[in-house]
């Protein structure tokens, strides 16, 4: 399954479900994989390195958005009627819409089925769906939405019990990987490859010391979000491996 088949935006307009659950391998350009590994390594090394990763994403955003909107599907008569009834949209039968739009509308309908007696929330869901269904809709992708605020993270920690805490940047790293392979890339079958952790060894394996009463906030890829994130470079090409919990 391709990412484009599960990609959607939430009611805040933020892309979600960047990759399908499970273990997937994608082919990629060796130069892009090397640049991605360098950017992720810089980000995991500390907040000063975050600009390297956001810069990597920003360079690839225009091409990503073109691919995202170029993948279209045809709305059937029956589905157009369901959208019109549940979401109050004016989609026409046989109209071609981006795949990400149809997935978002389908999820909005599913959400509405569970919003009994919550009229305000239901209307918010419909408004967000209608905005996505508008012919002029374009995703607004801001890498900053996946970067936690270090001050807010630090405020949740008691220095008496923990002096080092991980701030989850899994979403930003996954989006950087998605920009590398493209939203419509097909996973491939791959035999044994010389896999290496993207961004280098887990920074958590290194000892970090903090002064008395201080808290060190370090960017990290959380294990409960990503099972494995690896790359391999061979004489036959480069590959990225994304394994997410099912």
C-alpha atoms as a PDB file:
ATOM      1  CA  UNK A   1       0.000   0.000   0.000  1.00  0.00           C
ATOM      2  CA  UNK A   2       1.231   3.492  -0.853  1.00  0.00           C
ATOM      3  CA  UNK A   3       1.268   6.405   1.562  1.00  0.00           C
ATOM      4  CA  UNK A   4      -1.089   8.301  -0.751  1.00  0.00           C
ATOM      5  CA  UNK A   5      -3.738   5.645  -0.064  1.00  0.00           C
ATOM      6  CA  UNK A   6      -3.887   6.469   3.667  1.00  0.00           C
ATOM      7  CA  UNK A   7      -2.791  10.115   3.749  1.00  0.00           C
ATOM      8  CA  UNK A   8      -5.400  12.554   5.013  1.00  0.00           C
ATOM      9  CA  UNK A   9      -5.588  15.872   6.828  1.00  0.00           C
ATOM     10  CA  UNK A  10      -7.201  16.298  10.229  1.00  0.00           C
ATOM     11  CA  UNK A  11      -9.671  19.025  11.155  1.00  0.00           C
ATOM     12  CA  UNK A  12      -6.725  21.353  11.791  1.00  0.00           C
ATOM     13  CA  UNK A  13      -5.518  20.779   8.234  1.00  0.00           C
ATOM     14  CA  UNK A  14      -2.395  18.873   9.323  1.00  0.00           C
ATOM     15  CA  UNK A  15      -1.337  15.826   7.312  1.00  0.00           C
ATOM     16  CA  UNK A  16      -1.693  12.620   9.307  1.00  0.00           C
ATOM     17  CA  UNK A  17      -1.008   8.905   8.842  1.00  0.00           C
ATOM     18  CA  UNK A  18       2.068   9.612   6.757  1.00  0.00           C
ATOM     19  CA  UNK A  19       2.831   5.920   6.153  1.00  0.00           C
ATOM     20  CA  UNK A  20       0.663   2.814   6.347  1.00  0.00           C
ATOM     21  CA  UNK A  21       1.192   0.657   9.448  1.00  0.00           C
ATOM     22  CA  UNK A  22       3.615  -2.227   9.012  1.00  0.00           C
ATOM     23  CA  UNK A  23       7.107  -2.694   7.602  1.00  0.00           C
ATOM     24  CA  UNK A  24       7.777  -1.077   4.209  1.00  0.00           C
ATOM     25  CA  UNK A  25      10.858  -0.588   2.032  1.00  0.00           C
ATOM     26  CA  UNK A  26      11.112   2.152  -0.601  1.00  0.00           C
ATOM     27  CA  UNK A  27      13.719   2.831  -3.266  1.00  0.00           C
ATOM     28  CA  UNK A  28      15.270   6.302  -3.187  1.00  0.00           C
ATOM     29  CA  UNK A  29      18.042   8.299  -4.816  1.00  0.00           C
ATOM     30  CA  UNK A  30      21.378   7.693  -3.037  1.00  0.00           C
ATOM     31  CA  UNK A  31      22.109  11.421  -2.829  1.00  0.00           C
ATOM     32  CA  UNK A  32      18.739  12.142  -1.229  1.00  0.00           C
ATOM     33  CA  UNK A  33      19.207   9.340   1.291  1.00  0.00           C
ATOM     34  CA  UNK A  34      22.631  10.665   2.265  1.00  0.00           C
ATOM     35  CA  UNK A  35      21.252  14.202   2.664  1.00  0.00           C
ATOM     36  CA  UNK A  36      18.309  12.909   4.702  1.00  0.00           C
ATOM     37  CA  UNK A  37      20.568  10.919   7.022  1.00  0.00           C
ATOM     38  CA  UNK A  38      22.754  13.980   7.580  1.00  0.00           C
ATOM     39  CA  UNK A  39      19.725  16.184   8.327  1.00  0.00           C
ATOM     40  CA  UNK A  40      18.166  13.686  10.744  1.00  0.00           C
ATOM     41  CA  UNK A  41      21.514  13.175  12.461  1.00  0.00           C
ATOM     42  CA  UNK A  42      21.824  16.955  12.959  1.00  0.00           C
ATOM     43  CA  UNK A  43      18.299  17.213  14.391  1.00  0.00           C
ATOM     44  CA  UNK A  44      18.801  14.329  16.807  1.00  0.00           C
ATOM     45  CA  UNK A  45      22.047  15.952  17.921  1.00  0.00           C
ATOM     46  CA  UNK A  46      20.224  18.903  19.480  1.00  0.00           C
ATOM     47  CA  UNK A  47      17.895  21.827  18.869  1.00  0.00           C
ATOM     48  CA  UNK A  48      20.547  23.791  17.001  1.00  0.00           C
ATOM     49  CA  UNK A  49      20.500  21.076  14.353  1.00  0.00           C
ATOM     50  CA  UNK A  50      16.748  21.273  13.777  1.00  0.00           C
ATOM     51  CA  UNK A  51      17.219  23.864  11.025  1.00  0.00           C
ATOM     52  CA  UNK A  52      19.019  21.263   8.938  1.00  0.00           C
ATOM     53  CA  UNK A  53      15.998  18.956   8.982  1.00  0.00           C
ATOM     54  CA  UNK A  54      13.409  21.679   8.400  1.00  0.00           C
ATOM     55  CA  UNK A  55      15.574  23.029   5.574  1.00  0.00           C
ATOM     56  CA  UNK A  56      15.686  19.570   3.981  1.00  0.00           C
ATOM     57  CA  UNK A  57      11.877  19.423   4.105  1.00  0.00           C
ATOM     58  CA  UNK A  58      11.347  22.946   2.794  1.00  0.00           C
ATOM     59  CA  UNK A  59      13.499  22.242  -0.270  1.00  0.00           C
ATOM     60  CA  UNK A  60      11.302  19.291  -1.186  1.00  0.00           C
ATOM     61  CA  UNK A  61       7.877  20.686  -0.294  1.00  0.00           C
ATOM     62  CA  UNK A  62       6.970  22.055  -3.761  1.00  0.00           C
ATOM     63  CA  UNK A  63       7.616  18.699  -5.441  1.00  0.00           C
ATOM     64  CA  UNK A  64       5.798  16.866  -2.643  1.00  0.00           C
ATOM     65  CA  UNK A  65       2.686  19.036  -2.970  1.00  0.00           C
ATOM     66  CA  UNK A  66       2.638  18.575  -6.750  1.00  0.00           C
ATOM     67  CA  UNK A  67       2.755  14.791  -6.330  1.00  0.00           C
ATOM     68  CA  UNK A  68       0.152  14.864  -3.581  1.00  0.00           C
ATOM     69  CA  UNK A  69      -2.389  16.756  -5.680  1.00  0.00           C
ATOM     70  CA  UNK A  70      -1.559  15.003  -8.957  1.00  0.00           C
ATOM     71  CA  UNK A  71      -2.806  11.636  -7.677  1.00  0.00           C
ATOM     72  CA  UNK A  72      -6.534  11.781  -8.408  1.00  0.00           C
ATOM     73  CA  UNK A  73      -9.486   9.391  -8.239  1.00  0.00           C
ATOM     74  CA  UNK A  74     -12.967   9.495  -9.730  1.00  0.00           C
ATOM     75  CA  UNK A  75     -15.886   9.987  -7.358  1.00  0.00           C
ATOM     76  CA  UNK A  76     -18.668   7.499  -8.078  1.00  0.00           C
ATOM     77  CA  UNK A  77     -22.348   8.481  -8.130  1.00  0.00           C
ATOM     78  CA  UNK A  78     -22.996   6.626  -4.895  1.00  0.00           C
ATOM     79  CA  UNK A  79     -20.024   8.125  -3.083  1.00  0.00           C
ATOM     80  CA  UNK A  80     -20.847  11.652  -4.258  1.00  0.00           C
ATOM     81  CA  UNK A  81     -24.348  11.205  -2.845  1.00  0.00           C
ATOM     82  CA  UNK A  82     -22.957   9.998   0.499  1.00  0.00           C
ATOM     83  CA  UNK A  83     -20.561  12.943   0.697  1.00  0.00           C
ATOM     84  CA  UNK A  84     -23.377  15.362  -0.146  1.00  0.00           C
ATOM     85  CA  UNK A  85     -25.663  13.907   2.505  1.00  0.00           C
ATOM     86  CA  UNK A  86     -23.185  13.607   5.359  1.00  0.00           C
ATOM     87  CA  UNK A  87     -20.818  16.491   4.690  1.00  0.00           C
ATOM     88  CA  UNK A  88     -23.075  18.824   2.698  1.00  0.00           C
ATOM     89  CA  UNK A  89     -20.561  19.151  -0.107  1.00  0.00           C
ATOM     90  CA  UNK A  90     -21.406  19.759  -3.762  1.00  0.00           C
ATOM     91  CA  UNK A  91     -19.135  17.172  -5.338  1.00  0.00           C
ATOM     92  CA  UNK A  92     -20.445  16.001  -8.685  1.00  0.00           C
ATOM     93  CA  UNK A  93     -20.562  12.355  -9.742  1.00  0.00           C
ATOM     94  CA  UNK A  94     -17.619  11.325 -11.936  1.00  0.00           C
ATOM     95  CA  UNK A  95     -15.614  14.296 -10.676  1.00  0.00           C
ATOM     96  CA  UNK A  96     -11.892  13.683 -10.284  1.00  0.00           C
ATOM     97  CA  UNK A  97     -10.459  14.762  -6.937  1.00  0.00           C
ATOM     98  CA  UNK A  98      -7.061  14.261  -5.266  1.00  0.00           C
ATOM     99  CA  UNK A  99      -6.792  10.948  -3.435  1.00  0.00           C
ATOM    100  CA  UNK A 100      -5.893  12.789  -0.225  1.00  0.00           C
ATOM    101  CA  UNK A 101      -9.177  14.704  -0.473  1.00  0.00           C
ATOM    102  CA  UNK A 102     -11.298  11.563  -0.848  1.00  0.00           C
ATOM    103  CA  UNK A 103      -9.520   9.859   2.072  1.00  0.00           C
ATOM    104  CA  UNK A 104     -10.090  12.947   4.227  1.00  0.00           C
ATOM    105  CA  UNK A 105     -13.785  13.093   3.318  1.00  0.00           C
ATOM    106  CA  UNK A 106     -14.237   9.401   4.045  1.00  0.00           C
ATOM    107  CA  UNK A 107     -12.673   9.814   7.470  1.00  0.00           C
ATOM    108  CA  UNK A 108     -14.860  12.820   8.170  1.00  0.00           C
ATOM    109  CA  UNK A 109     -17.948  10.727   7.419  1.00  0.00           C
ATOM    110  CA  UNK A 110     -16.711   7.972   9.725  1.00  0.00           C
ATOM    111  CA  UNK A 111     -16.116  10.521  12.467  1.00  0.00           C
ATOM    112  CA  UNK A 112     -19.620  11.932  12.050  1.00  0.00           C
ATOM    113  CA  UNK A 113     -21.070   8.483  12.640  1.00  0.00           C
ATOM    114  CA  UNK A 114     -19.662   8.610  16.170  1.00  0.00           C
ATOM    115  CA  UNK A 115     -20.624  12.186  16.984  1.00  0.00           C
ATOM    116  CA  UNK A 116     -24.197  11.606  18.126  1.00  0.00           C
ATOM    117  CA  UNK A 117     -25.663  14.628  19.938  1.00  0.00           C
ATOM    118  CA  UNK A 118     -22.444  16.626  19.492  1.00  0.00           C
ATOM    119  CA  UNK A 119     -23.786  19.156  17.031  1.00  0.00           C
ATOM    120  CA  UNK A 120     -21.007  21.745  17.467  1.00  0.00           C
ATOM    121  CA  UNK A 121     -18.234  19.191  16.881  1.00  0.00           C
ATOM    122  CA  UNK A 122     -20.120  17.657  13.966  1.00  0.00           C
ATOM    123  CA  UNK A 123     -20.485  21.031  12.273  1.00  0.00           C
ATOM    124  CA  UNK A 124     -16.788  21.735  12.784  1.00  0.00           C
ATOM    125  CA  UNK A 125     -16.033  18.402  11.096  1.00  0.00           C
ATOM    126  CA  UNK A 126     -18.300  19.298   8.169  1.00  0.00           C
ATOM    127  CA  UNK A 127     -16.741  22.730   7.765  1.00  0.00           C
ATOM    128  CA  UNK A 128     -13.249  21.263   7.688  1.00  0.00           C
ATOM    129  CA  UNK A 129     -14.365  18.636   5.146  1.00  0.00           C
ATOM    130  CA  UNK A 130     -15.990  21.248   2.910  1.00  0.00           C
ATOM    131  CA  UNK A 131     -12.796  23.300   2.949  1.00  0.00           C
ATOM    132  CA  UNK A 132     -10.791  20.268   1.802  1.00  0.00           C
ATOM    133  CA  UNK A 133     -13.376  19.470  -0.901  1.00  0.00           C
ATOM    134  CA  UNK A 134     -13.122  22.980  -2.359  1.00  0.00           C
ATOM    135  CA  UNK A 135     -11.527  22.854  -5.850  1.00  0.00           C
ATOM    136  CA  UNK A 136      -8.957  25.447  -4.814  1.00  0.00           C
ATOM    137  CA  UNK A 137      -7.819  23.564  -1.715  1.00  0.00           C
ATOM    138  CA  UNK A 138      -4.121  23.064  -1.211  1.00  0.00           C
ATOM    139  CA  UNK A 139      -2.451  21.550   1.839  1.00  0.00           C
ATOM    140  CA  UNK A 140      -0.573  23.961   4.055  1.00  0.00           C
ATOM    141  CA  UNK A 141       2.442  22.062   5.296  1.00  0.00           C
ATOM    142  CA  UNK A 142       4.437  23.698   8.060  1.00  0.00           C
ATOM    143  CA  UNK A 143       7.274  21.551   9.448  1.00  0.00           C
ATOM    144  CA  UNK A 144       6.917  23.471  12.695  1.00  0.00           C
ATOM    145  CA  UNK A 145       3.715  21.604  13.587  1.00  0.00           C
ATOM    146  CA  UNK A 146       5.831  18.502  14.233  1.00  0.00           C
ATOM    147  CA  UNK A 147       8.401  20.265  16.433  1.00  0.00           C
ATOM    148  CA  UNK A 148       7.528  20.312  20.135  1.00  0.00           C
ATOM    149  CA  UNK A 149       8.192  23.430  22.189  1.00  0.00           C
ATOM    150  CA  UNK A 150      11.197  22.679  24.441  1.00  0.00           C
ATOM    151  CA  UNK A 151       9.851  24.989  27.158  1.00  0.00           C
ATOM    152  CA  UNK A 152       6.510  23.174  27.208  1.00  0.00           C
ATOM    153  CA  UNK A 153       8.245  19.801  27.359  1.00  0.00           C
ATOM    154  CA  UNK A 154      10.490  20.973  30.192  1.00  0.00           C
ATOM    155  CA  UNK A 155       7.464  22.247  32.128  1.00  0.00           C
ATOM    156  CA  UNK A 156       6.114  18.687  32.362  1.00  0.00           C
ATOM    157  CA  UNK A 157       9.268  17.328  33.998  1.00  0.00           C
ATOM    158  CA  UNK A 158      10.265  17.385  37.652  1.00  0.00           C
ATOM    159  CA  UNK A 159      14.077  17.848  37.777  1.00  0.00           C
ATOM    160  CA  UNK A 160      14.113  15.974  41.082  1.00  0.00           C
ATOM    161  CA  UNK A 161      13.107  12.780  39.274  1.00  0.00           C
ATOM    162  CA  UNK A 162      14.485  13.217  35.761  1.00  0.00           C
ATOM    163  CA  UNK A 163      17.147  15.496  34.361  1.00  0.00           C
ATOM    164  CA  UNK A 164      16.898  14.343  30.719  1.00  0.00           C
ATOM    165  CA  UNK A 165      13.694  14.023  28.695  1.00  0.00           C
ATOM    166  CA  UNK A 166      13.055  13.151  25.052  1.00  0.00           C
ATOM    167  CA  UNK A 167      11.014  15.530  22.882  1.00  0.00           C
ATOM    168  CA  UNK A 168       9.285  13.585  20.131  1.00  0.00           C
ATOM    169  CA  UNK A 169      10.130  14.717  16.585  1.00  0.00           C
ATOM    170  CA  UNK A 170       8.955  11.464  14.981  1.00  0.00           C
ATOM    171  CA  UNK A 171       6.346  13.268  12.869  1.00  0.00           C
ATOM    172  CA  UNK A 172       8.878  15.641  11.322  1.00  0.00           C
ATOM    173  CA  UNK A 173      11.343  12.830  10.601  1.00  0.00           C
ATOM    174  CA  UNK A 174       8.622  10.672   9.008  1.00  0.00           C
ATOM    175  CA  UNK A 175       7.504  13.584   6.868  1.00  0.00           C
ATOM    176  CA  UNK A 176      11.094  14.149   5.756  1.00  0.00           C
ATOM    177  CA  UNK A 177      11.232  10.478   4.722  1.00  0.00           C
ATOM    178  CA  UNK A 178       7.910  10.864   2.876  1.00  0.00           C
ATOM    179  CA  UNK A 179       9.278  13.892   1.008  1.00  0.00           C
ATOM    180  CA  UNK A 180      12.257  11.742   0.007  1.00  0.00           C
ATOM    181  CA  UNK A 181      10.344   8.785  -1.440  1.00  0.00           C
ATOM    182  CA  UNK A 182       7.223  10.690  -2.529  1.00  0.00           C
ATOM    183  CA  UNK A 183       3.633  10.095  -1.385  1.00  0.00           C
ATOM    184  CA  UNK A 184       2.790   7.818  -4.325  1.00  0.00           C
ATOM    185  CA  UNK A 185       5.834   5.517  -4.098  1.00  0.00           C
ATOM    186  CA  UNK A 186       5.117   1.809  -4.065  1.00  0.00           C
ATOM    187  CA  UNK A 187       6.810  -0.319  -1.382  1.00  0.00           C
ATOM    188  CA  UNK A 188       9.144  -2.920  -2.837  1.00  0.00           C
ATOM    189  CA  UNK A 189      10.280  -6.389  -1.898  1.00  0.00           C
ATOM    190  CA  UNK A 190      13.831  -6.302  -0.569  1.00  0.00           C
ATOM    191  CA  UNK A 191      16.078  -9.108   0.524  1.00  0.00           C
ATOM    192  CA  UNK A 192      18.824  -8.798   3.135  1.00  0.00           C
ATOM    193  CA  UNK A 193      20.376  -5.336   2.999  1.00  0.00           C
ATOM    194  CA  UNK A 194      23.069  -3.562   5.050  1.00  0.00           C
ATOM    195  CA  UNK A 195      20.561  -1.588   7.118  1.00  0.00           C
ATOM    196  CA  UNK A 196      21.740   1.325   9.253  1.00  0.00           C
ATOM    197  CA  UNK A 197      19.707   3.457  11.641  1.00  0.00           C
ATOM    198  CA  UNK A 198      18.611   6.700   9.988  1.00  0.00           C
ATOM    199  CA  UNK A 199      20.333   9.559  11.775  1.00  0.00           C
ATOM    200  CA  UNK A 200      22.913   7.309  13.397  1.00  0.00           C
ATOM    201  CA  UNK A 201      22.846   5.472  16.734  1.00  0.00           C
ATOM    202  CA  UNK A 202      20.060   6.267  19.199  1.00  0.00           C
ATOM    203  CA  UNK A 203      21.198   9.345  21.140  1.00  0.00           C
ATOM    204  CA  UNK A 204      19.613   7.756  24.205  1.00  0.00           C
ATOM    205  CA  UNK A 205      22.548   5.372  24.353  1.00  0.00           C
ATOM    206  CA  UNK A 206      24.847   8.268  25.207  1.00  0.00           C
ATOM    207  CA  UNK A 207      25.210   9.533  28.740  1.00  0.00           C
ATOM    208  CA  UNK A 208      23.930  13.077  29.170  1.00  0.00           C
ATOM    209  CA  UNK A 209      24.625  14.985  32.336  1.00  0.00           C
ATOM    210  CA  UNK A 210      22.541  17.875  33.594  1.00  0.00           C
ATOM    211  CA  UNK A 211      23.372  20.268  36.383  1.00  0.00           C
ATOM    212  CA  UNK A 212      21.398  20.276  39.639  1.00  0.00           C
ATOM    213  CA  UNK A 213      17.821  21.444  39.130  1.00  0.00           C
ATOM    214  CA  UNK A 214      18.119  21.606  35.357  1.00  0.00           C
ATOM    215  CA  UNK A 215      16.437  19.596  32.639  1.00  0.00           C
ATOM    216  CA  UNK A 216      17.986  18.659  29.292  1.00  0.00           C
ATOM    217  CA  UNK A 217      15.489  18.362  26.430  1.00  0.00           C
ATOM    218  CA  UNK A 218      16.759  16.253  23.549  1.00  0.00           C
ATOM    219  CA  UNK A 219      14.999  15.614  20.223  1.00  0.00           C
ATOM    220  CA  UNK A 220      14.214  11.936  19.694  1.00  0.00           C
ATOM    221  CA  UNK A 221      12.272   9.462  17.583  1.00  0.00           C
ATOM    222  CA  UNK A 222       9.887   7.701  19.948  1.00  0.00           C
ATOM    223  CA  UNK A 223       9.707   3.915  19.925  1.00  0.00           C
ATOM    224  CA  UNK A 224       5.926   3.905  20.383  1.00  0.00           C
ATOM    225  CA  UNK A 225       5.566   5.875  17.128  1.00  0.00           C
ATOM    226  CA  UNK A 226       8.259   4.252  14.969  1.00  0.00           C
ATOM    227  CA  UNK A 227       9.464   0.668  15.244  1.00  0.00           C
ATOM    228  CA  UNK A 228      12.330   0.982  12.764  1.00  0.00           C
ATOM    229  CA  UNK A 229      13.639   3.751  10.547  1.00  0.00           C
ATOM    230  CA  UNK A 230      16.635   2.649   8.499  1.00  0.00           C
ATOM    231  CA  UNK A 231      18.479   3.122   5.243  1.00  0.00           C
ATOM    232  CA  UNK A 232      20.753   1.043   3.069  1.00  0.00           C
ATOM    233  CA  UNK A 233      23.055   2.023   0.225  1.00  0.00           C
ATOM    234  CA  UNK A 234      24.229  -0.670  -2.189  1.00  0.00           C
ATOM    235  CA  UNK A 235      25.843  -0.744  -5.644  1.00  0.00           C
ATOM    236  CA  UNK A 236      22.301  -1.209  -6.999  1.00  0.00           C
ATOM    237  CA  UNK A 237      20.748   1.808  -5.308  1.00  0.00           C
ATOM    238  CA  UNK A 238      19.576   3.210  -1.996  1.00  0.00           C
ATOM    239  CA  UNK A 239      16.614   2.181   0.122  1.00  0.00           C
ATOM    240  CA  UNK A 240      14.626   3.498   3.063  1.00  0.00           C
ATOM    241  CA  UNK A 241      12.819   1.259   5.534  1.00  0.00           C
ATOM    242  CA  UNK A 242       9.866   2.495   7.583  1.00  0.00           C
ATOM    243  CA  UNK A 243       8.332   0.154  10.152  1.00  0.00           C
ATOM    244  CA  UNK A 244       5.378   1.498  12.122  1.00  0.00           C
ATOM    245  CA  UNK A 245       3.307  -0.245  14.800  1.00  0.00           C
ATOM    246  CA  UNK A 246       0.197  -1.994  13.484  1.00  0.00           C
END
